[in-house]
Amino acid sequence: MQEAGSETHPREFIKGDLVIHVGHVPAPDMVYAEHFTHNLAMGIVLKRAGGHGRDKVYRVYWLRDQLVSAVASDQLRLAYVRNNAP
């Protein structure tokens, strides 16, 4: 697993980030309404939906299934590398 703050796993995702669902790493105090029975491989971050510290939650629109769900940040990775060039 990559360290938070790396190029593909930033400390914070921003609206419009293209992300990949990489699996379930449930926080002990979170209940998931969706059990991810659909193929939620790639999506777009819509907004931050709560959480604090390392347990951030984001609303993500999943492209293939046209579904929006709340996902813990540990389950997401960027689908690209941000260009930090000046």
PDB file of N, CA and C in Angstrom:
ATOM      1  N   MET A   1       0.837  -1.180   0.000  1.00  0.00           N
ATOM      2  CA  MET A   1       0.000   0.000   0.000  1.00  0.00           C
ATOM      3  C   MET A   1       0.880   1.241   0.000  1.00  0.00           C
ATOM      4  N   GLN A   2       0.496   2.226  -0.764  1.00  0.00           N
ATOM      5  CA  GLN A   2       1.307   3.430  -0.858  1.00  0.00           C
ATOM      6  C   GLN A   2       1.018   4.370   0.295  1.00  0.00           C
ATOM      7  N   GLU A   3       2.018   5.123   0.649  1.00  0.00           N
ATOM      8  CA  GLU A   3       1.921   6.098   1.728  1.00  0.00           C
ATOM      9  C   GLU A   3       1.039   7.270   1.311  1.00  0.00           C
ATOM     10  N   ALA A   4       0.183   7.746   2.235  1.00  0.00           N
ATOM     11  CA  ALA A   4      -0.633   8.935   1.955  1.00  0.00           C
ATOM     12  C   ALA A   4       0.293  10.103   1.680  1.00  0.00           C
ATOM     13  N   GLY A   5      -0.043  10.875   0.690  1.00  0.00           N
ATOM     14  CA  GLY A   5       0.803  11.994   0.300  1.00  0.00           C
ATOM     15  C   GLY A   5       1.649  11.676  -0.920  1.00  0.00           C
ATOM     16  N   SER A   6       1.543  10.457  -1.443  1.00  0.00           N
ATOM     17  CA  SER A   6       2.277  10.113  -2.654  1.00  0.00           C
ATOM     18  C   SER A   6       1.518  10.665  -3.857  1.00  0.00           C
ATOM     19  N   GLU A   7       2.095  10.519  -5.053  1.00  0.00           N
ATOM     20  CA  GLU A   7       1.468  11.075  -6.254  1.00  0.00           C
ATOM     21  C   GLU A   7       0.120  10.440  -6.561  1.00  0.00           C
ATOM     22  N   THR A   8      -0.039   9.146  -6.309  1.00  0.00           N
ATOM     23  CA  THR A   8      -1.312   8.493  -6.633  1.00  0.00           C
ATOM     24  C   THR A   8      -2.272   8.418  -5.444  1.00  0.00           C
ATOM     25  N   HIS A   9      -1.793   8.723  -4.257  1.00  0.00           N
ATOM     26  CA  HIS A   9      -2.651   8.715  -3.065  1.00  0.00           C
ATOM     27  C   HIS A   9      -2.411   9.997  -2.275  1.00  0.00           C
ATOM     28  N   PRO A  10      -3.006  11.101  -2.733  1.00  0.00           N
ATOM     29  CA  PRO A  10      -2.777  12.384  -2.082  1.00  0.00           C
ATOM     30  C   PRO A  10      -3.421  12.439  -0.709  1.00  0.00           C
ATOM     31  N   ARG A  11      -2.999  13.399   0.113  1.00  0.00           N
ATOM     32  CA  ARG A  11      -3.613  13.585   1.430  1.00  0.00           C
ATOM     33  C   ARG A  11      -5.067  14.007   1.300  1.00  0.00           C
ATOM     34  N   GLU A  12      -5.399  14.728   0.228  1.00  0.00           N
ATOM     35  CA  GLU A  12      -6.774  15.167  -0.024  1.00  0.00           C
ATOM     36  C   GLU A  12      -7.063  15.050  -1.513  1.00  0.00           C
ATOM     37  N   PHE A  13      -8.228  14.534  -1.843  1.00  0.00           N
ATOM     38  CA  PHE A  13      -8.680  14.557  -3.224  1.00  0.00           C
ATOM     39  C   PHE A  13      -9.446  15.853  -3.420  1.00  0.00           C
ATOM     40  N   ILE A  14      -9.506  16.337  -4.659  1.00  0.00           N
ATOM     41  CA  ILE A  14     -10.233  17.566  -4.951  1.00  0.00           C
ATOM     42  C   ILE A  14     -11.326  17.272  -5.977  1.00  0.00           C
ATOM     43  N   LYS A  15     -12.317  18.152  -6.023  1.00  0.00           N
ATOM     44  CA  LYS A  15     -13.414  18.002  -6.967  1.00  0.00           C
ATOM     45  C   LYS A  15     -12.857  17.862  -8.381  1.00  0.00           C
ATOM     46  N   GLY A  16     -13.327  16.845  -9.094  1.00  0.00           N
ATOM     47  CA  GLY A  16     -12.871  16.616 -10.459  1.00  0.00           C
ATOM     48  C   GLY A  16     -11.760  15.590 -10.587  1.00  0.00           C
ATOM     49  N   ASP A  17     -11.159  15.165  -9.478  1.00  0.00           N
ATOM     50  CA  ASP A  17     -10.113  14.136  -9.562  1.00  0.00           C
ATOM     51  C   ASP A  17     -10.689  12.847 -10.135  1.00  0.00           C
ATOM     52  N   LEU A  18      -9.974  12.240 -11.069  1.00  0.00           N
ATOM     53  CA  LEU A  18     -10.328  10.940 -11.620  1.00  0.00           C
ATOM     54  C   LEU A  18      -9.682   9.891 -10.720  1.00  0.00           C
ATOM     55  N   VAL A  19     -10.505   9.016 -10.131  1.00  0.00           N
ATOM     56  CA  VAL A  19      -9.998   8.064  -9.151  1.00  0.00           C
ATOM     57  C   VAL A  19     -10.344   6.638  -9.537  1.00  0.00           C
ATOM     58  N   ILE A  20      -9.593   5.717  -8.965  1.00  0.00           N
ATOM     59  CA  ILE A  20      -9.816   4.288  -9.140  1.00  0.00           C
ATOM     60  C   ILE A  20     -10.148   3.697  -7.779  1.00  0.00           C
ATOM     61  N   HIS A  21     -11.174   2.843  -7.747  1.00  0.00           N
ATOM     62  CA  HIS A  21     -11.527   2.141  -6.516  1.00  0.00           C
ATOM     63  C   HIS A  21     -10.577   0.965  -6.366  1.00  0.00           C
ATOM     64  N   VAL A  22      -9.843   0.920  -5.258  1.00  0.00           N
ATOM     65  CA  VAL A  22      -8.821  -0.115  -5.092  1.00  0.00           C
ATOM     66  C   VAL A  22      -9.178  -1.161  -4.053  1.00  0.00           C
ATOM     67  N   GLY A  23     -10.339  -1.075  -3.464  1.00  0.00           N
ATOM     68  CA  GLY A  23     -10.731  -2.109  -2.519  1.00  0.00           C
ATOM     69  C   GLY A  23     -11.298  -1.556  -1.239  1.00  0.00           C
ATOM     70  N   HIS A  24     -11.632  -2.461  -0.378  1.00  0.00           N
ATOM     71  CA  HIS A  24     -12.279  -2.100   0.871  1.00  0.00           C
ATOM     72  C   HIS A  24     -11.278  -2.082   2.016  1.00  0.00           C
ATOM     73  N   VAL A  25     -11.148  -0.932   2.641  1.00  0.00           N
ATOM     74  CA  VAL A  25     -10.359  -0.781   3.851  1.00  0.00           C
ATOM     75  C   VAL A  25     -11.270  -0.049   4.827  1.00  0.00           C
ATOM     76  N   PRO A  26     -12.282  -0.743   5.387  1.00  0.00           N
ATOM     77  CA  PRO A  26     -13.288  -0.053   6.174  1.00  0.00           C
ATOM     78  C   PRO A  26     -12.750   0.503   7.485  1.00  0.00           C
ATOM     79  N   ALA A  27     -13.137   1.714   7.763  1.00  0.00           N
ATOM     80  CA  ALA A  27     -12.849   2.295   9.067  1.00  0.00           C
ATOM     81  C   ALA A  27     -13.798   1.648  10.065  1.00  0.00           C
ATOM     82  N   PRO A  28     -13.378   1.449  11.302  1.00  0.00           N
ATOM     83  CA  PRO A  28     -14.215   0.720  12.254  1.00  0.00           C
ATOM     84  C   PRO A  28     -15.544   1.405  12.572  1.00  0.00           C
ATOM     85  N   ASP A  29     -15.644   2.716  12.391  1.00  0.00           N
ATOM     86  CA  ASP A  29     -16.870   3.432  12.746  1.00  0.00           C
ATOM     87  C   ASP A  29     -17.726   3.786  11.537  1.00  0.00           C
ATOM     88  N   MET A  30     -17.453   3.181  10.377  1.00  0.00           N
ATOM     89  CA  MET A  30     -18.206   3.519   9.172  1.00  0.00           C
ATOM     90  C   MET A  30     -19.131   2.382   8.766  1.00  0.00           C
ATOM     91  N   VAL A  31     -20.310   2.745   8.321  1.00  0.00           N
ATOM     92  CA  VAL A  31     -21.260   1.781   7.783  1.00  0.00           C
ATOM     93  C   VAL A  31     -21.464   2.118   6.314  1.00  0.00           C
ATOM     94  N   TYR A  32     -21.314   1.149   5.450  1.00  0.00           N
ATOM     95  CA  TYR A  32     -21.454   1.386   4.021  1.00  0.00           C
ATOM     96  C   TYR A  32     -22.841   0.969   3.568  1.00  0.00           C
ATOM     97  N   ALA A  33     -23.584   1.920   3.001  1.00  0.00           N
ATOM     98  CA  ALA A  33     -24.914   1.608   2.480  1.00  0.00           C
ATOM     99  C   ALA A  33     -24.787   0.752   1.230  1.00  0.00           C
ATOM    100  N   GLU A  34     -23.806   1.033   0.419  1.00  0.00           N
ATOM    101  CA  GLU A  34     -23.566   0.263  -0.788  1.00  0.00           C
ATOM    102  C   GLU A  34     -22.539  -0.823  -0.472  1.00  0.00           C
ATOM    103  N   HIS A  35     -22.756  -2.002  -0.994  1.00  0.00           N
ATOM    104  CA  HIS A  35     -21.805  -3.078  -0.762  1.00  0.00           C
ATOM    105  C   HIS A  35     -20.931  -3.313  -1.985  1.00  0.00           C
ATOM    106  N   PHE A  36     -20.914  -2.327  -2.883  1.00  0.00           N
ATOM    107  CA  PHE A  36     -20.049  -2.374  -4.046  1.00  0.00           C
ATOM    108  C   PHE A  36     -20.231  -3.654  -4.854  1.00  0.00           C
ATOM    109  N   THR A  37     -21.499  -3.987  -5.118  1.00  0.00           N
ATOM    110  CA  THR A  37     -21.782  -5.157  -5.941  1.00  0.00           C
ATOM    111  C   THR A  37     -21.617  -4.826  -7.421  1.00  0.00           C
ATOM    112  N   HIS A  38     -21.573  -3.534  -7.746  1.00  0.00           N
ATOM    113  CA  HIS A  38     -21.381  -3.110  -9.127  1.00  0.00           C
ATOM    114  C   HIS A  38     -19.894  -2.949  -9.400  1.00  0.00           C
ATOM    115  N   ASN A  39     -19.555  -2.820 -10.654  1.00  0.00           N
ATOM    116  CA  ASN A  39     -18.170  -2.565 -11.020  1.00  0.00           C
ATOM    117  C   ASN A  39     -17.915  -1.066 -10.886  1.00  0.00           C
ATOM    118  N   LEU A  40     -17.320  -0.667  -9.784  1.00  0.00           N
ATOM    119  CA  LEU A  40     -17.075   0.747  -9.502  1.00  0.00           C
ATOM    120  C   LEU A  40     -15.606   1.084  -9.734  1.00  0.00           C
ATOM    121  N   ALA A  41     -15.087   0.683 -10.846  1.00  0.00           N
ATOM    122  CA  ALA A  41     -13.650   0.791 -11.071  1.00  0.00           C
ATOM    123  C   ALA A  41     -13.134   2.223 -11.141  1.00  0.00           C
ATOM    124  N   MET A  42     -13.774   3.108 -11.905  1.00  0.00           N
ATOM    125  CA  MET A  42     -13.230   4.445 -12.119  1.00  0.00           C
ATOM    126  C   MET A  42     -14.325   5.481 -11.933  1.00  0.00           C
ATOM    127  N   GLY A  43     -13.984   6.566 -11.223  1.00  0.00           N
ATOM    128  CA  GLY A  43     -14.984   7.590 -10.970  1.00  0.00           C
ATOM    129  C   GLY A  43     -14.385   8.970 -10.837  1.00  0.00           C
ATOM    130  N   ILE A  44     -15.263   9.942 -10.624  1.00  0.00           N
ATOM    131  CA  ILE A  44     -14.869  11.345 -10.491  1.00  0.00           C
ATOM    132  C   ILE A  44     -15.300  11.833  -9.111  1.00  0.00           C
ATOM    133  N   VAL A  45     -14.368  12.451  -8.383  1.00  0.00           N
ATOM    134  CA  VAL A  45     -14.677  12.999  -7.062  1.00  0.00           C
ATOM    135  C   VAL A  45     -15.600  14.199  -7.237  1.00  0.00           C
ATOM    136  N   LEU A  46     -16.754  14.158  -6.549  1.00  0.00           N
ATOM    137  CA  LEU A  46     -17.706  15.259  -6.606  1.00  0.00           C
ATOM    138  C   LEU A  46     -17.476  16.262  -5.478  1.00  0.00           C
ATOM    139  N   LYS A  47     -17.196  15.748  -4.284  1.00  0.00           N
ATOM    140  CA  LYS A  47     -16.955  16.617  -3.133  1.00  0.00           C
ATOM    141  C   LYS A  47     -16.507  15.779  -1.947  1.00  0.00           C
ATOM    142  N   ARG A  48     -16.003  16.468  -0.946  1.00  0.00           N
ATOM    143  CA  ARG A  48     -15.690  15.805   0.317  1.00  0.00           C
ATOM    144  C   ARG A  48     -16.998  15.662   1.077  1.00  0.00           C
ATOM    145  N   ALA A  49     -17.238  14.489   1.639  1.00  0.00           N
ATOM    146  CA  ALA A  49     -18.528  14.202   2.268  1.00  0.00           C
ATOM    147  C   ALA A  49     -18.422  13.987   3.768  1.00  0.00           C
ATOM    148  N   GLY A  50     -17.291  14.303   4.351  1.00  0.00           N
ATOM    149  CA  GLY A  50     -17.160  14.153   5.794  1.00  0.00           C
ATOM    150  C   GLY A  50     -15.853  13.502   6.184  1.00  0.00           C
ATOM    151  N   GLY A  51     -15.834  13.049   7.420  1.00  0.00           N
ATOM    152  CA  GLY A  51     -14.638  12.427   7.960  1.00  0.00           C
ATOM    153  C   GLY A  51     -13.640  13.474   8.418  1.00  0.00           C
ATOM    154  N   HIS A  52     -12.607  13.009   9.057  1.00  0.00           N
ATOM    155  CA  HIS A  52     -11.557  13.902   9.558  1.00  0.00           C
ATOM    156  C   HIS A  52     -10.244  13.139   9.639  1.00  0.00           C
ATOM    157  N   GLY A  53      -9.157  13.888   9.700  1.00  0.00           N
ATOM    158  CA  GLY A  53      -7.843  13.253   9.769  1.00  0.00           C
ATOM    159  C   GLY A  53      -7.608  12.352   8.574  1.00  0.00           C
ATOM    160  N   ARG A  54      -7.213  11.130   8.849  1.00  0.00           N
ATOM    161  CA  ARG A  54      -6.959  10.164   7.775  1.00  0.00           C
ATOM    162  C   ARG A  54      -8.233   9.470   7.297  1.00  0.00           C
ATOM    163  N   ASP A  55      -9.345   9.666   7.997  1.00  0.00           N
ATOM    164  CA  ASP A  55     -10.597   8.977   7.671  1.00  0.00           C
ATOM    165  C   ASP A  55     -11.551   9.861   6.877  1.00  0.00           C
ATOM    166  N   LYS A  56     -11.063  10.458   5.804  1.00  0.00           N
ATOM    167  CA  LYS A  56     -11.906  11.324   4.971  1.00  0.00           C
ATOM    168  C   LYS A  56     -12.844  10.482   4.106  1.00  0.00           C
ATOM    169  N   VAL A  57     -14.014  11.038   3.819  1.00  0.00           N
ATOM    170  CA  VAL A  57     -14.999  10.376   2.975  1.00  0.00           C
ATOM    171  C   VAL A  57     -15.327  11.303   1.814  1.00  0.00           C
ATOM    172  N   TYR A  58     -15.430  10.749   0.619  1.00  0.00           N
ATOM    173  CA  TYR A  58     -15.704  11.524  -0.582  1.00  0.00           C
ATOM    174  C   TYR A  58     -16.928  10.973  -1.292  1.00  0.00           C
ATOM    175  N   ARG A  59     -17.708  11.855  -1.925  1.00  0.00           N
ATOM    176  CA  ARG A  59     -18.796  11.458  -2.821  1.00  0.00           C
ATOM    177  C   ARG A  59     -18.155  11.291  -4.190  1.00  0.00           C
ATOM    178  N   VAL A  60     -18.345  10.130  -4.787  1.00  0.00           N
ATOM    179  CA  VAL A  60     -17.724   9.803  -6.069  1.00  0.00           C
ATOM    180  C   VAL A  60     -18.806   9.356  -7.056  1.00  0.00           C
ATOM    181  N   TYR A  61     -18.739   9.888  -8.266  1.00  0.00           N
ATOM    182  CA  TYR A  61     -19.609   9.459  -9.361  1.00  0.00           C
ATOM    183  C   TYR A  61     -18.856   8.384 -10.129  1.00  0.00           C
ATOM    184  N   TRP A  62     -19.425   7.163 -10.166  1.00  0.00           N
ATOM    185  CA  TRP A  62     -18.784   6.046 -10.847  1.00  0.00           C
ATOM    186  C   TRP A  62     -19.231   6.024 -12.309  1.00  0.00           C
ATOM    187  N   LEU A  63     -18.269   6.140 -13.209  1.00  0.00           N
ATOM    188  CA  LEU A  63     -18.539   6.327 -14.628  1.00  0.00           C
ATOM    189  C   LEU A  63     -19.311   5.172 -15.261  1.00  0.00           C
ATOM    190  N   ARG A  64     -18.882   3.972 -15.059  1.00  0.00           N
ATOM    191  CA  ARG A  64     -19.502   2.831 -15.738  1.00  0.00           C
ATOM    192  C   ARG A  64     -20.949   2.610 -15.286  1.00  0.00           C
ATOM    193  N   ASP A  65     -21.192   2.702 -13.984  1.00  0.00           N
ATOM    194  CA  ASP A  65     -22.512   2.389 -13.441  1.00  0.00           C
ATOM    195  C   ASP A  65     -23.401   3.603 -13.253  1.00  0.00           C
ATOM    196  N   GLN A  66     -22.860   4.786 -13.494  1.00  0.00           N
ATOM    197  CA  GLN A  66     -23.612   6.029 -13.323  1.00  0.00           C
ATOM    198  C   GLN A  66     -24.251   6.068 -11.940  1.00  0.00           C
ATOM    199  N   LEU A  67     -23.430   5.814 -10.928  1.00  0.00           N
ATOM    200  CA  LEU A  67     -23.866   5.713  -9.546  1.00  0.00           C
ATOM    201  C   LEU A  67     -23.011   6.639  -8.692  1.00  0.00           C
ATOM    202  N   VAL A  68     -23.613   7.277  -7.708  1.00  0.00           N
ATOM    203  CA  VAL A  68     -22.864   8.118  -6.770  1.00  0.00           C
ATOM    204  C   VAL A  68     -22.877   7.435  -5.416  1.00  0.00           C
ATOM    205  N   SER A  69     -21.705   7.355  -4.779  1.00  0.00           N
ATOM    206  CA  SER A  69     -21.633   6.754  -3.451  1.00  0.00           C
ATOM    207  C   SER A  69     -20.575   7.451  -2.619  1.00  0.00           C
ATOM    208  N   ALA A  70     -20.664   7.259  -1.306  1.00  0.00           N
ATOM    209  CA  ALA A  70     -19.667   7.775  -0.373  1.00  0.00           C
ATOM    210  C   ALA A  70     -18.593   6.709  -0.192  1.00  0.00           C
ATOM    211  N   VAL A  71     -17.331   7.129  -0.313  1.00  0.00           N
ATOM    212  CA  VAL A  71     -16.226   6.178  -0.254  1.00  0.00           C
ATOM    213  C   VAL A  71     -15.129   6.730   0.645  1.00  0.00           C
ATOM    214  N   ALA A  72     -14.585   5.885   1.495  1.00  0.00           N
ATOM    215  CA  ALA A  72     -13.467   6.271   2.346  1.00  0.00           C
ATOM    216  C   ALA A  72     -12.226   6.503   1.480  1.00  0.00           C
ATOM    217  N   SER A  73     -11.428   7.495   1.857  1.00  0.00           N
ATOM    218  CA  SER A  73     -10.263   7.868   1.047  1.00  0.00           C
ATOM    219  C   SER A  73      -9.253   6.732   0.902  1.00  0.00           C
ATOM    220  N   ASP A  74      -9.179   5.827   1.875  1.00  0.00           N
ATOM    221  CA  ASP A  74      -8.238   4.706   1.772  1.00  0.00           C
ATOM    222  C   ASP A  74      -8.597   3.746   0.646  1.00  0.00           C
ATOM    223  N   GLN A  75      -9.811   3.839   0.115  1.00  0.00           N
ATOM    224  CA  GLN A  75     -10.246   2.956  -0.958  1.00  0.00           C
ATOM    225  C   GLN A  75     -10.029   3.557  -2.337  1.00  0.00           C
ATOM    226  N   LEU A  76      -9.474   4.773  -2.391  1.00  0.00           N
ATOM    227  CA  LEU A  76      -9.315   5.483  -3.663  1.00  0.00           C
ATOM    228  C   LEU A  76      -7.853   5.747  -3.982  1.00  0.00           C
ATOM    229  N   ARG A  77      -7.542   5.766  -5.249  1.00  0.00           N
ATOM    230  CA  ARG A  77      -6.229   6.179  -5.755  1.00  0.00           C
ATOM    231  C   ARG A  77      -6.474   7.063  -6.968  1.00  0.00           C
ATOM    232  N   LEU A  78      -5.586   8.018  -7.202  1.00  0.00           N
ATOM    233  CA  LEU A  78      -5.681   8.819  -8.413  1.00  0.00           C
ATOM    234  C   LEU A  78      -5.423   7.946  -9.627  1.00  0.00           C
ATOM    235  N   ALA A  79      -6.152   8.208 -10.697  1.00  0.00           N
ATOM    236  CA  ALA A  79      -5.972   7.451 -11.932  1.00  0.00           C
ATOM    237  C   ALA A  79      -4.897   8.078 -12.811  1.00  0.00           C
ATOM    238  N   TYR A  80      -4.288   9.135 -12.335  1.00  0.00           N
ATOM    239  CA  TYR A  80      -3.253   9.857 -13.074  1.00  0.00           C
ATOM    240  C   TYR A  80      -2.300  10.495 -12.084  1.00  0.00           C
ATOM    241  N   VAL A  81      -1.228  11.071 -12.584  1.00  0.00           N
ATOM    242  CA  VAL A  81      -0.274  11.800 -11.752  1.00  0.00           C
ATOM    243  C   VAL A  81      -0.452  13.275 -12.033  1.00  0.00           C
ATOM    244  N   ARG A  82      -0.633  14.083 -10.983  1.00  0.00           N
ATOM    245  CA  ARG A  82      -0.803  15.519 -11.159  1.00  0.00           C
ATOM    246  C   ARG A  82       0.478  16.152 -11.658  1.00  0.00           C
ATOM    247  N   ASN A  83       0.340  17.128 -12.548  1.00  0.00           N
ATOM    248  CA  ASN A  83       1.480  17.850 -13.080  1.00  0.00           C
ATOM    249  C   ASN A  83       1.711  19.078 -12.209  1.00  0.00           C
ATOM    250  N   ASN A  84       2.810  19.099 -11.482  1.00  0.00           N
ATOM    251  CA  ASN A  84       3.116  20.220 -10.592  1.00  0.00           C
ATOM    252  C   ASN A  84       4.106  21.193 -11.229  1.00  0.00           C
ATOM    253  N   ALA A  85       4.261  21.124 -12.544  1.00  0.00           N
ATOM    254  CA  ALA A  85       5.196  22.009 -13.228  1.00  0.00           C
ATOM    255  C   ALA A  85       4.702  23.454 -13.157  1.00  0.00           C
ATOM    256  N   PRO A  86       5.641  24.407 -13.141  1.00  0.00           N
ATOM    257  CA  PRO A  86       5.228  25.825 -13.074  1.00  0.00           C
ATOM    258  C   PRO A  86       4.539  26.303 -14.334  1.00  0.00           C
TER     259      PRO A  86
END
